[in-house]
Protein backbone atom coordinates (compact mmCIF):
# COMPACT_ATOMS: atom_id res chain seq x y z
CA UNK A 1 -19.35 8.20 -20.98
CA UNK A 2 -22.83 6.75 -20.52
CA UNK A 3 -24.35 8.68 -23.01
CA UNK A 4 -22.60 7.79 -26.11
CA UNK A 5 -22.58 4.30 -24.25
CA UNK A 6 -26.14 3.78 -25.19
CA UNK A 7 -25.67 4.87 -29.09
CA UNK A 8 -22.90 2.28 -28.96
CA UNK A 9 -24.75 -0.44 -27.20
CA UNK A 10 -28.18 0.57 -30.11
CA UNK A 11 -25.39 -0.32 -32.90
CA UNK A 12 -24.24 -3.53 -31.49
CA UNK A 13 -28.18 -4.10 -31.42
CA UNK A 14 -28.03 -4.98 -34.82
CA UNK A 15 -28.80 -7.82 -36.52
CA UNK A 16 -25.00 -8.24 -38.15
CA UNK A 17 -21.99 -9.31 -36.62
CA UNK A 18 -20.38 -6.07 -38.31
CA UNK A 19 -22.62 -4.14 -35.63
CA UNK A 20 -21.26 -5.57 -32.60
CA UNK A 21 -17.80 -5.19 -34.21
CA UNK A 22 -17.99 -1.80 -34.58
CA UNK A 23 -19.60 -0.73 -31.44
CA UNK A 24 -16.73 -2.35 -29.50
CA UNK A 25 -13.85 -1.10 -31.56
CA UNK A 26 -15.46 2.46 -30.89
CA UNK A 27 -15.88 2.07 -27.77
CA UNK A 28 -12.30 1.28 -27.26
CA UNK A 29 -10.85 3.81 -29.14
CA UNK A 30 -12.98 6.40 -27.07
CA UNK A 31 -12.36 5.04 -23.87
CA UNK A 32 -8.20 4.73 -24.39
CA UNK A 33 -7.86 6.95 -27.32
CA UNK A 34 -4.24 8.34 -26.59
CA UNK A 35 -3.03 5.48 -25.25
CA UNK A 36 -3.83 3.58 -28.40
CA UNK A 37 -2.75 6.64 -30.74
CA UNK A 38 0.50 6.25 -28.79
CA UNK A 39 0.93 2.54 -28.40
CA UNK A 40 0.30 1.88 -31.87
CA UNK A 41 2.40 4.91 -33.44
CA UNK A 42 5.14 4.20 -30.76
CA UNK A 43 6.15 0.86 -32.22
CA UNK A 44 5.20 1.59 -35.85
CA UNK A 45 7.69 4.57 -35.85
CA UNK A 46 10.26 2.25 -33.82
CA UNK A 47 10.07 -0.90 -36.23
CA UNK A 48 10.31 1.48 -39.23
CA UNK A 49 12.67 4.16 -38.68
CA UNK A 50 15.36 2.20 -36.13
CA UNK A 51 18.28 1.94 -38.74
CA UNK A 52 18.14 5.88 -38.91
CA UNK A 53 18.93 6.05 -35.07
CA UNK A 54 21.46 4.55 -32.75
CA UNK A 55 20.62 2.52 -29.53
CA UNK A 56 20.77 5.62 -27.38
CA UNK A 57 18.45 7.96 -29.43
CA UNK A 58 15.96 5.08 -29.97
CA UNK A 59 16.06 5.28 -25.80
CA UNK A 60 15.68 8.75 -25.68
CA UNK A 61 12.70 8.84 -27.89
CA UNK A 62 11.18 5.90 -25.91
CA UNK A 63 12.19 7.91 -22.38
CA UNK A 64 11.14 11.75 -23.63
CA UNK A 65 7.51 10.22 -24.80
CA UNK A 66 7.23 8.48 -21.15
CA UNK A 67 8.23 11.30 -19.59
CA UNK A 68 5.76 13.60 -21.46
CA UNK A 69 2.95 10.90 -21.32
CA UNK A 70 3.77 10.89 -17.03
CA UNK A 71 4.35 14.52 -16.19
CA UNK A 72 1.29 15.74 -18.41
CA UNK A 73 -1.31 13.41 -16.91
CA UNK A 74 -0.31 14.65 -13.40
CA UNK A 75 -0.31 17.96 -14.55
CA UNK A 76 -3.22 17.97 -16.18
CA UNK A 77 -5.17 15.61 -13.45
CA UNK A 78 -5.08 18.69 -11.85
CA UNK A 79 -8.30 20.09 -14.00
CA UNK A 80 -9.38 17.16 -15.45
CA UNK A 81 -12.31 16.14 -12.81
CA UNK A 82 -13.25 19.41 -12.54
CA UNK A 83 -13.90 20.23 -16.09
CA UNK A 84 -15.66 16.79 -16.17
CA UNK A 85 -17.98 18.41 -13.47
CA UNK A 86 -18.45 21.64 -15.23
CA UNK A 87 -19.60 19.70 -18.46
CA UNK A 88 -22.00 17.51 -16.77
CA UNK A 89 -23.44 20.43 -15.23
CA UNK A 90 -23.65 21.90 -18.53
CA UNK A 91 -25.60 18.77 -19.92
CA UNK A 92 -27.90 18.41 -17.26
CA UNK A 93 -28.39 21.96 -17.09
CA UNK A 94 -29.54 21.56 -21.01
CA UNK A 95 -27.24 24.45 -21.73
CA UNK A 96 -24.02 23.63 -23.65
CA UNK A 97 -23.20 27.20 -25.04
CA UNK A 98 -20.35 27.69 -22.77
CA UNK A 99 -18.80 24.24 -23.16
CA UNK A 100 -16.25 25.38 -26.36
CA UNK A 101 -15.27 28.67 -24.23
CA UNK A 102 -14.46 26.31 -21.17
CA UNK A 103 -12.24 23.97 -23.47
CA UNK A 104 -10.47 27.00 -24.91
CA UNK A 105 -10.20 28.62 -21.44
CA UNK A 106 -8.35 25.33 -19.99
CA UNK A 107 -6.24 24.91 -23.01
CA UNK A 108 -4.74 28.43 -22.75
CA UNK A 109 -4.54 28.12 -19.22
CA UNK A 110 -2.57 24.56 -19.75
CA UNK A 111 -0.36 26.46 -22.27
CA UNK A 112 0.60 29.37 -19.89
CA UNK A 113 1.69 27.51 -16.88
CA UNK A 114 2.90 24.03 -18.52
CA UNK A 115 5.39 26.06 -21.25
CA UNK A 116 7.86 27.76 -19.00
CA UNK A 117 8.47 24.24 -16.88
CA UNK A 118 8.48 22.21 -20.05
CA UNK A 119 11.17 24.51 -21.57
CA UNK A 120 13.13 24.32 -18.30
CA UNK A 121 13.17 20.54 -17.70
CA UNK A 122 14.28 19.90 -21.77
CA UNK A 123 16.27 22.66 -22.30
CA UNK A 124 18.13 23.11 -18.62
CA UNK A 125 18.07 19.77 -16.68
CA UNK A 126 18.39 17.37 -19.62
CA UNK A 127 21.44 17.62 -22.25
CA UNK A 128 19.85 16.98 -25.37
CA UNK A 129 20.53 18.81 -28.81
CA UNK A 130 18.16 21.98 -29.16
CA UNK A 131 16.02 20.45 -31.75
CA UNK A 132 15.37 17.71 -29.94
CA UNK A 133 14.72 19.75 -26.76
CA UNK A 134 12.42 22.07 -28.67
CA UNK A 135 10.61 19.11 -29.89
CA UNK A 136 9.94 17.44 -26.90
CA UNK A 137 8.71 20.57 -25.26
CA UNK A 138 5.73 20.44 -28.54
CA UNK A 139 5.57 17.08 -27.85
CA UNK A 140 4.61 17.73 -24.29
CA UNK A 141 2.26 20.61 -24.70
CA UNK A 142 0.67 18.54 -27.56
CA UNK A 143 -0.14 15.40 -25.13
CA UNK A 144 -1.41 17.72 -22.66
CA UNK A 145 -3.74 19.00 -24.59
CA UNK A 146 -4.91 15.70 -26.02
CA UNK A 147 -5.81 14.85 -22.26
CA UNK A 148 -7.53 18.04 -21.80
CA UNK A 149 -9.86 17.61 -24.86
CA UNK A 150 -10.39 13.57 -24.29
CA UNK A 151 -13.02 14.81 -21.31
CA UNK A 152 -15.05 15.77 -24.59
CA UNK A 153 -15.28 13.18 -26.57
CA UNK A 154 -17.41 10.94 -25.01
CA UNK A 155 -20.14 13.80 -25.24
CA UNK A 156 -19.65 13.46 -28.99
CA UNK A 157 -22.28 11.62 -30.66
CA UNK A 158 -20.01 11.22 -33.99
CA UNK A 159 -17.86 8.43 -32.85
CA UNK A 160 -16.95 7.80 -36.34
CA UNK A 161 -15.33 11.44 -36.38
CA UNK A 162 -13.42 10.65 -33.18
CA UNK A 163 -12.47 7.02 -34.67
CA UNK A 164 -11.29 8.61 -37.72
CA UNK A 165 -9.00 11.12 -35.79
CA UNK A 166 -6.74 8.88 -34.30
CA UNK A 167 -6.76 6.75 -36.98
CA UNK A 168 -5.41 9.74 -39.32
CA UNK A 169 -3.13 10.84 -36.54
CA UNK A 170 -1.57 7.66 -36.36
CA UNK A 171 -0.88 6.94 -40.47
CA UNK A 172 0.29 10.35 -40.52
CA UNK A 173 2.63 10.21 -37.44
CA UNK A 174 4.13 7.25 -38.34
CA UNK A 175 4.84 8.22 -42.20
CA UNK A 176 6.11 11.84 -41.05
CA UNK A 177 8.36 10.05 -38.69
CA UNK A 178 9.73 7.75 -41.07
CA UNK A 179 10.36 10.33 -43.60
CA UNK A 180 11.88 12.78 -41.67
CA UNK A 181 13.46 10.12 -39.91
CA UNK A 182 15.60 9.25 -42.95
CA UNK A 183 17.34 12.70 -42.85
CA UNK A 184 17.50 13.84 -39.63
CA UNK A 185 17.36 10.93 -37.22
CA UNK A 186 15.95 11.42 -33.54
CA UNK A 187 14.78 15.29 -34.10
CA UNK A 188 12.99 13.97 -37.04
CA UNK A 189 11.45 11.27 -35.39
CA UNK A 190 10.16 13.81 -32.82
CA UNK A 191 9.07 16.26 -35.45
CA UNK A 192 7.23 13.68 -37.48
CA UNK A 193 5.42 12.33 -34.43
CA UNK A 194 4.09 15.58 -33.58
CA UNK A 195 3.05 15.86 -37.00
CA UNK A 196 0.51 13.04 -36.28
CA UNK A 197 -0.27 14.34 -32.54
CA UNK A 198 -1.07 17.74 -33.88
CA UNK A 199 -3.22 16.68 -36.32
CA UNK A 200 -5.00 13.98 -34.36
CA UNK A 201 -5.89 17.05 -31.98
CA UNK A 202 -6.45 19.37 -34.47
CA UNK A 203 -9.44 16.91 -35.52
CA UNK A 204 -10.38 16.28 -32.18
CA UNK A 205 -11.11 19.78 -31.28
CA UNK A 206 -12.73 20.13 -34.83
CA UNK A 207 -15.07 17.33 -33.53
CA UNK A 208 -15.79 19.07 -30.50
CA UNK A 209 -16.50 22.43 -31.82
CA UNK A 210 -18.49 20.62 -34.80
CA UNK A 211 -20.90 19.26 -31.54
CA UNK A 212 -20.86 22.39 -29.93
CA UNK A 213 -21.06 25.23 -32.61
CA UNK A 214 -21.00 28.08 -29.88
CA UNK A 215 -18.96 31.64 -30.08
CA UNK A 216 -15.63 30.83 -28.30
CA UNK A 217 -14.41 32.90 -25.73
CA UNK A 218 -12.34 33.06 -22.87
CA UNK A 219 -14.58 31.42 -19.72
CA UNK A 220 -13.08 32.56 -16.21
CA UNK A 221 -16.16 30.55 -14.68
CA UNK A 222 -13.71 27.49 -14.75
CA UNK A 223 -12.13 29.13 -12.34
CA UNK A 224 -14.73 29.78 -9.96
CA UNK A 225 -15.22 26.04 -10.39
CA UNK A 226 -11.24 25.00 -9.86
CA UNK A 227 -12.34 27.15 -6.56
CA UNK A 228 -15.76 25.91 -5.69
CA UNK A 229 -14.62 22.08 -5.90
CA UNK A 230 -11.19 22.13 -4.76
CA UNK A 231 -11.64 18.55 -3.75
CA UNK A 232 -11.48 17.32 -7.36
CA UNK A 233 -8.48 19.08 -8.20
CA UNK A 234 -6.54 17.06 -5.08
CA UNK A 235 -8.24 14.33 -6.15
CA UNK A 236 -7.66 13.96 -9.93
CA UNK A 237 -3.98 15.21 -8.52
CA UNK A 238 -3.73 12.08 -6.05
CA UNK A 239 -5.05 9.78 -8.85
CA UNK A 240 -2.45 10.55 -11.74
CA UNK A 241 0.77 10.92 -8.92
CA UNK A 242 -0.99 7.41 -7.76
CA UNK A 243 -0.78 5.75 -11.02
CA UNK A 244 3.30 7.07 -12.05
CA UNK A 245 4.62 7.39 -8.32
CA UNK A 246 6.12 3.75 -8.51
CA UNK A 247 7.44 4.23 -12.27
CA UNK A 248 9.04 7.98 -10.54
CA UNK A 249 10.42 5.74 -7.79
CA UNK A 250 11.86 3.01 -9.94
CA UNK A 251 13.96 5.25 -11.77
CA UNK A 252 16.31 5.31 -9.25
CA UNK A 253 16.36 1.83 -8.14
CA UNK A 254 20.05 0.37 -8.35
CA UNK A 255 18.80 -1.18 -11.78
CA UNK A 256 18.09 1.91 -13.30
CA UNK A 257 20.21 4.01 -15.93
CA UNK A 258 21.35 7.06 -16.26
CA UNK A 259 21.75 8.23 -19.78
CA UNK A 260 24.51 10.90 -21.33
CA UNK A 261 21.23 13.25 -22.16
CA UNK A 262 20.58 13.39 -18.35
CA UNK A 263 17.16 10.92 -18.59
CA UNK A 264 16.90 8.27 -15.65
CA UNK A 265 15.30 5.12 -17.03
CA UNK A 266 14.53 1.69 -15.56
CA UNK A 267 14.11 -0.54 -18.82
CA UNK A 268 12.98 -3.46 -17.22
CA UNK A 269 9.96 -1.64 -14.68
CA UNK A 270 9.11 0.56 -17.16
CA UNK A 271 8.47 -1.55 -20.19
CA UNK A 272 6.94 -4.84 -17.85
CA UNK A 273 4.38 -2.26 -16.37
CA UNK A 274 3.62 -0.47 -19.63
CA UNK A 275 2.98 -4.19 -21.15
CA UNK A 276 0.69 -4.87 -18.04
CA UNK A 277 -1.42 -1.72 -18.61
CA UNK A 278 -2.01 -2.92 -22.46
CA UNK A 279 -4.37 -5.75 -20.29
CA UNK A 280 -6.89 -3.08 -19.56
CA UNK A 281 -8.01 -1.62 -23.39
CA UNK A 282 -10.98 -4.19 -23.46
CA UNK A 283 -12.01 -4.01 -19.97
CA UNK A 284 -12.35 -0.11 -20.41
CA UNK A 285 -14.03 -0.09 -23.69
CA UNK A 286 -16.58 -3.04 -22.06
CA UNK A 287 -16.76 -0.07 -18.91
CA UNK A 288 -17.95 2.33 -20.95
CA UNK A 289 -20.15 0.47 -23.75
CA UNK A 290 -22.24 -2.25 -20.91
CA UNK A 291 -21.64 -1.67 -17.48
CA UNK A 292 -21.72 2.10 -16.99
CA UNK A 293 -24.37 2.07 -19.52
CA UNK A 294 -26.46 -0.15 -17.57
CA UNK A 295 -25.72 1.61 -13.94
CA UNK A 296 -26.82 4.66 -15.64
CA UNK A 297 -30.18 4.14 -16.42
CA UNK A 298 -30.95 2.23 -12.93
CA UNK A 299 -29.37 5.78 -11.16
CA UNK A 300 -31.47 7.52 -13.52
CA UNK A 301 -34.51 5.91 -12.73
CA UNK A 302 -33.45 6.28 -9.14
CA UNK A 303 -33.88 9.95 -8.90
CA UNK A 304 -36.23 10.75 -11.68
CA UNK A 305 -38.79 8.67 -9.21
CA UNK A 306 -37.19 10.60 -5.87
CA UNK A 307 -38.01 13.87 -8.37
CA UNK A 308 -41.44 12.19 -8.87
CA UNK A 309 -42.40 12.19 -5.64
CA UNK A 310 -42.22 8.02 -5.12
CA UNK A 311 -43.13 6.28 -1.88
CA UNK A 312 -40.22 5.28 0.21
CA UNK A 313 -41.46 1.46 -1.02
CA UNK A 314 -40.53 2.20 -4.88
CA UNK A 315 -37.19 4.40 -3.48
CA UNK A 316 -35.89 1.18 -1.41
CA UNK A 317 -36.77 -1.29 -4.76
CA UNK A 318 -35.02 1.22 -7.11
CA UNK A 319 -31.99 1.31 -4.62
CA UNK A 320 -31.79 -2.50 -4.57
CA UNK A 321 -32.16 -2.67 -8.20
CA UNK A 322 -29.40 -0.38 -8.83
CA UNK A 323 -27.09 -2.03 -6.56
CA UNK A 324 -27.94 -5.11 -8.28
CA UNK A 325 -26.36 -3.62 -11.43
CA UNK A 326 -23.49 -2.57 -9.69
CA UNK A 327 -23.12 -6.29 -8.66
CA UNK A 328 -24.16 -7.83 -12.33
CA UNK A 329 -21.05 -5.10 -13.56
CA UNK A 330 -18.51 -6.10 -11.37
CA UNK A 331 -19.40 -10.04 -11.24
CA UNK A 332 -18.97 -9.22 -15.11
CA UNK A 333 -15.79 -7.42 -15.11
CA UNK A 334 -14.32 -9.65 -13.09
CA UNK A 335 -15.32 -13.16 -15.07
CA UNK A 336 -14.33 -11.55 -18.56
CA UNK A 337 -11.09 -9.28 -16.96
CA UNK A 338 -10.05 -12.11 -14.64
CA UNK A 339 -9.97 -14.84 -17.36
CA UNK A 340 -7.80 -12.77 -19.78
CA UNK A 341 -5.29 -11.71 -16.77
CA UNK A 342 -4.92 -15.38 -15.42
CA UNK A 343 -4.45 -16.23 -19.41
CA UNK A 344 -1.54 -13.43 -19.85
CA UNK A 345 -0.08 -14.56 -16.15
CA UNK A 346 0.21 -18.42 -17.13
CA UNK A 347 1.37 -17.57 -20.56
CA UNK A 348 3.55 -14.82 -19.75
CA UNK A 349 7.08 -16.61 -20.55
CA UNK A 350 6.11 -17.96 -24.06
CA UNK A 351 4.33 -13.94 -24.75
CA UNK A 352 8.04 -12.09 -23.37
CA UNK A 353 9.60 -14.58 -25.98
CA UNK A 354 7.39 -13.73 -28.80
CA UNK A 355 7.84 -10.35 -28.54
CA UNK A 356 11.65 -10.31 -27.60
CA UNK A 357 11.59 -9.29 -24.47
CA UNK A 358 14.08 -10.10 -21.92
CA UNK A 359 13.19 -12.49 -19.17
CA UNK A 360 14.15 -10.46 -16.53
CA UNK A 361 10.89 -8.91 -16.36
CA UNK A 362 8.75 -12.04 -16.28
CA UNK A 363 8.06 -10.72 -12.20
CA UNK A 364 7.22 -7.07 -13.03
CA UNK A 365 4.97 -8.05 -16.01
CA UNK A 366 2.89 -10.85 -13.92
CA UNK A 367 2.74 -8.49 -10.57
CA UNK A 368 1.74 -5.85 -13.16
CA UNK A 369 -1.03 -7.74 -14.72
CA UNK A 370 -2.17 -8.51 -11.38
CA UNK A 371 -1.69 -5.16 -9.90
CA UNK A 372 -3.95 -3.48 -13.49
CA UNK A 373 -6.94 -5.74 -12.35
CA UNK A 374 -7.59 -4.33 -9.09
CA UNK A 375 -6.27 -1.32 -10.03
CA UNK A 376 -9.48 -1.30 -12.49
CA UNK A 377 -11.68 -2.34 -10.04
CA UNK A 378 -10.45 0.74 -7.98
CA UNK A 379 -11.24 2.76 -10.94
CA UNK A 380 -15.12 1.27 -11.63
CA UNK A 381 -15.88 1.63 -8.32
CA UNK A 382 -14.30 5.66 -7.95
CA UNK A 383 -16.80 6.26 -11.08
CA UNK A 384 -19.40 4.93 -9.52
CA UNK A 385 -19.26 6.72 -6.15
CA UNK A 386 -18.14 9.77 -8.45
CA UNK A 387 -22.29 9.49 -9.58
CA UNK A 388 -23.09 10.20 -5.98
CA UNK A 389 -20.67 13.18 -5.75
CA UNK A 390 -19.14 11.36 -2.61
CA UNK A 391 -15.93 13.89 -3.39
CA UNK A 392 -14.40 13.10 -0.24
CA UNK A 393 -14.55 9.23 -0.47
CA UNK A 394 -12.90 9.15 -3.61
CA UNK A 395 -10.11 11.59 -2.51
CA UNK A 396 -9.42 9.05 0.33
CA UNK A 397 -9.54 6.31 -1.93
CA UNK A 398 -7.08 8.25 -4.19
CA UNK A 399 -4.70 8.69 -1.19
CA UNK A 400 -4.45 5.53 -0.12
CA UNK A 401 -3.61 4.51 -3.38
CA UNK A 402 -0.64 7.18 -3.55
CA UNK A 403 0.74 6.40 -0.40
CA UNK A 404 0.62 2.80 -0.23
CA UNK A 405 2.05 2.35 -3.79
CA UNK A 406 4.84 4.71 -3.22
CA UNK A 407 5.77 3.56 0.37
CA UNK A 408 5.35 -0.51 -1.00
CA UNK A 409 7.32 0.24 -4.27
CA UNK A 410 10.26 1.88 -2.27
CA UNK A 411 10.12 -1.20 -0.30
CA UNK A 412 10.12 -3.53 -2.99
CA UNK A 413 13.07 -1.65 -4.77
CA UNK A 414 15.49 -2.44 -1.43
CA UNK A 415 14.99 -6.15 -2.28
CA UNK A 416 15.56 -8.58 -5.50
CA UNK A 417 14.71 -7.04 -8.70
CA UNK A 418 12.15 -10.52 -8.86
CA UNK A 419 9.71 -8.32 -6.77
CA UNK A 420 9.65 -5.31 -8.55
CA UNK A 421 5.94 -4.74 -9.39
CA UNK A 422 5.07 -6.27 -5.76
CA UNK A 423 4.47 -2.94 -4.30
CA UNK A 424 2.02 -1.89 -6.83
CA UNK A 425 -0.05 -4.86 -6.83
CA UNK A 426 -0.21 -5.07 -3.08
CA UNK A 427 -1.24 -1.43 -3.08
CA UNK A 428 -3.93 -1.58 -5.85
CA UNK A 429 -5.25 -5.10 -3.70
CA UNK A 430 -5.16 -2.67 -0.74
CA UNK A 431 -6.91 0.55 -1.96
CA UNK A 432 -9.77 -1.93 -4.12
CA UNK A 433 -10.70 -3.40 -0.42
CA UNK A 434 -10.68 0.37 1.00
CA UNK A 435 -12.82 1.32 -1.96
CA UNK A 436 -15.49 -1.58 -1.94
CA UNK A 437 -16.21 -0.95 1.66
CA UNK A 438 -16.63 2.86 1.44
CA UNK A 439 -18.64 1.86 -2.14
CA UNK A 440 -20.84 -0.95 -0.02
CA UNK A 441 -21.39 1.99 2.40
CA UNK A 442 -22.68 4.61 0.63
CA UNK A 443 -24.80 2.53 -1.70
CA UNK A 444 -26.64 1.44 1.54
CA UNK A 445 -26.76 5.06 2.79
CA UNK A 446 -28.11 6.00 -0.51
CA UNK A 447 -31.48 7.16 0.32
CA UNK A 448 -30.01 9.03 3.19
CA UNK A 449 -27.80 11.01 1.10
CA UNK A 450 -30.16 11.66 -1.31
CA UNK A 451 -32.39 13.21 1.25
CA UNK A 452 -30.23 14.39 3.52
CA UNK A 453 -26.19 15.15 2.83
CA UNK A 454 -26.69 15.98 -0.87
CA UNK A 455 -29.73 18.11 -0.38
CA UNK A 456 -28.42 21.63 -1.20
CA UNK A 457 -31.83 22.71 0.91
CA UNK A 458 -30.75 21.19 3.92
CA UNK A 459 -27.45 22.50 3.93
CA UNK A 460 -28.73 25.60 3.77
C-alpha cells in the first residue's frame, strides 16, 4: 500500500487545492473501494427501485447483499494474506511476471470451491425464487472475485483507472437495477446490480493485467505458499471471523427476524453496525496516504542500513526514528478519528432522526462507533507488525478479537437490547490493549529480531 501512497502524497504536494483533494479521494477509493461501491450503489438502488419491490423483497435484497459480503470475506480471507505475501515477495525480487498468473489461479480456485457452496445455500437452504437464487449465487461469486482482485489494487500506479472502474460500476449497476427492476422486481434488481459489479470486476482485472502485461497461465506456486505460510491462512480466517462473528450471533437474537425466504436478519443491530463502519472510511484513506507511507520510509531506512553494514549506533537511531514514526502516526489517527467518532457519538440522535432510522438502534450505533475506533487501531498495529513478519503475534491478536467478540456479543445478547454492540466494543478495546503490548515489545526487540529470529541463515 505504501507504494501508491508515495504517488498520492506527491500529488497532494502540488501547489493547488485540487491536487490535495484528488489525492485524498483516490486514497479513500483505493483503500475502501468495494465498501464505497456497495454502499453507494446499495443506497441509490434502494431509493430508485423501492416502488417496484414490496417490503419483503426489499429486505431480501438487503440481506442477500449482507450475506454475500460477510461469507465471501470470510472464505476469501483464507487466501488473501497468503496472496498479499506472494505479491510482496515478487515485488521485492523485482520479478512480477508471475503476478497475473497467480491472480487467475486464485480466482479459479475460489470459483471451484465456492460455487458449490453458494448453489447449495441459495437453492437448498433458503426459499428463494430460482432466478433470485441464481442472481444471488452470481453476486456472491462476483463479490468474492472483487475481494481477491482488490489485493492488487494498491500496487497499481494508474489510480485514475481504478477510480474509473468503481465509478463506472456504480453508475451502470444503479441504472441497470432501475431498468430491470421496473419489469422484474427483485430478480431484475439483483441482475442489474450484478451487471454493475461485473463491470467493475472486469475493469479492475483489466487494470491489473495492463499493469503486469505477462502471459497468463495457471501458477500453482501459490499452493506452495499456502503450505509454507499456513499461519497466514489462519490469521486471515480469524480476522474476518472476528469482523463478522457478532453479526452472525445477533442474527439469532430474541429480536431477530426469520423471513419467509429462510433468511435470518437483525434489523436493529445490522443497520446500526453498518452505519458505524462507515465512520472508518476517511481513516483508512488517511492511513494509506500518510501513516503507512511515512512508516514505510523509516522501515526501508532501517533495513537498508543493516544491509549496508551500518554500525550499531546508527541502527539504534534508525530504530528510534521508526518507533517515533509509529507514535506520530497513531497520535494523528487518534486525534483525527477520535474527534470524528466523538462528534458522531454526541450527535447520534440527531443523525439517526435526519436519515429516518429508528432510535432503537441508538445504543448499538454508539457502541459500534466506539468499537470501530479501537478496531481500526488494532488493524493499524497488525499491519505494522506485518512489516516485521510477526506472524504468530498477528494470529494471537486476531484470535483474541475473534474469541472475545463472539463470547461478549453472546453475553450481551442475553441482556436488554440497549446493550447490543457493547460486546463488540469491549472486545475491540481488549484486543487493542493486547496488540499495543505486543507491538511495543516487538519494536523494542527490533534489532534482535532482525539479526536473529528473522534471520534465515540463523534458522539454517
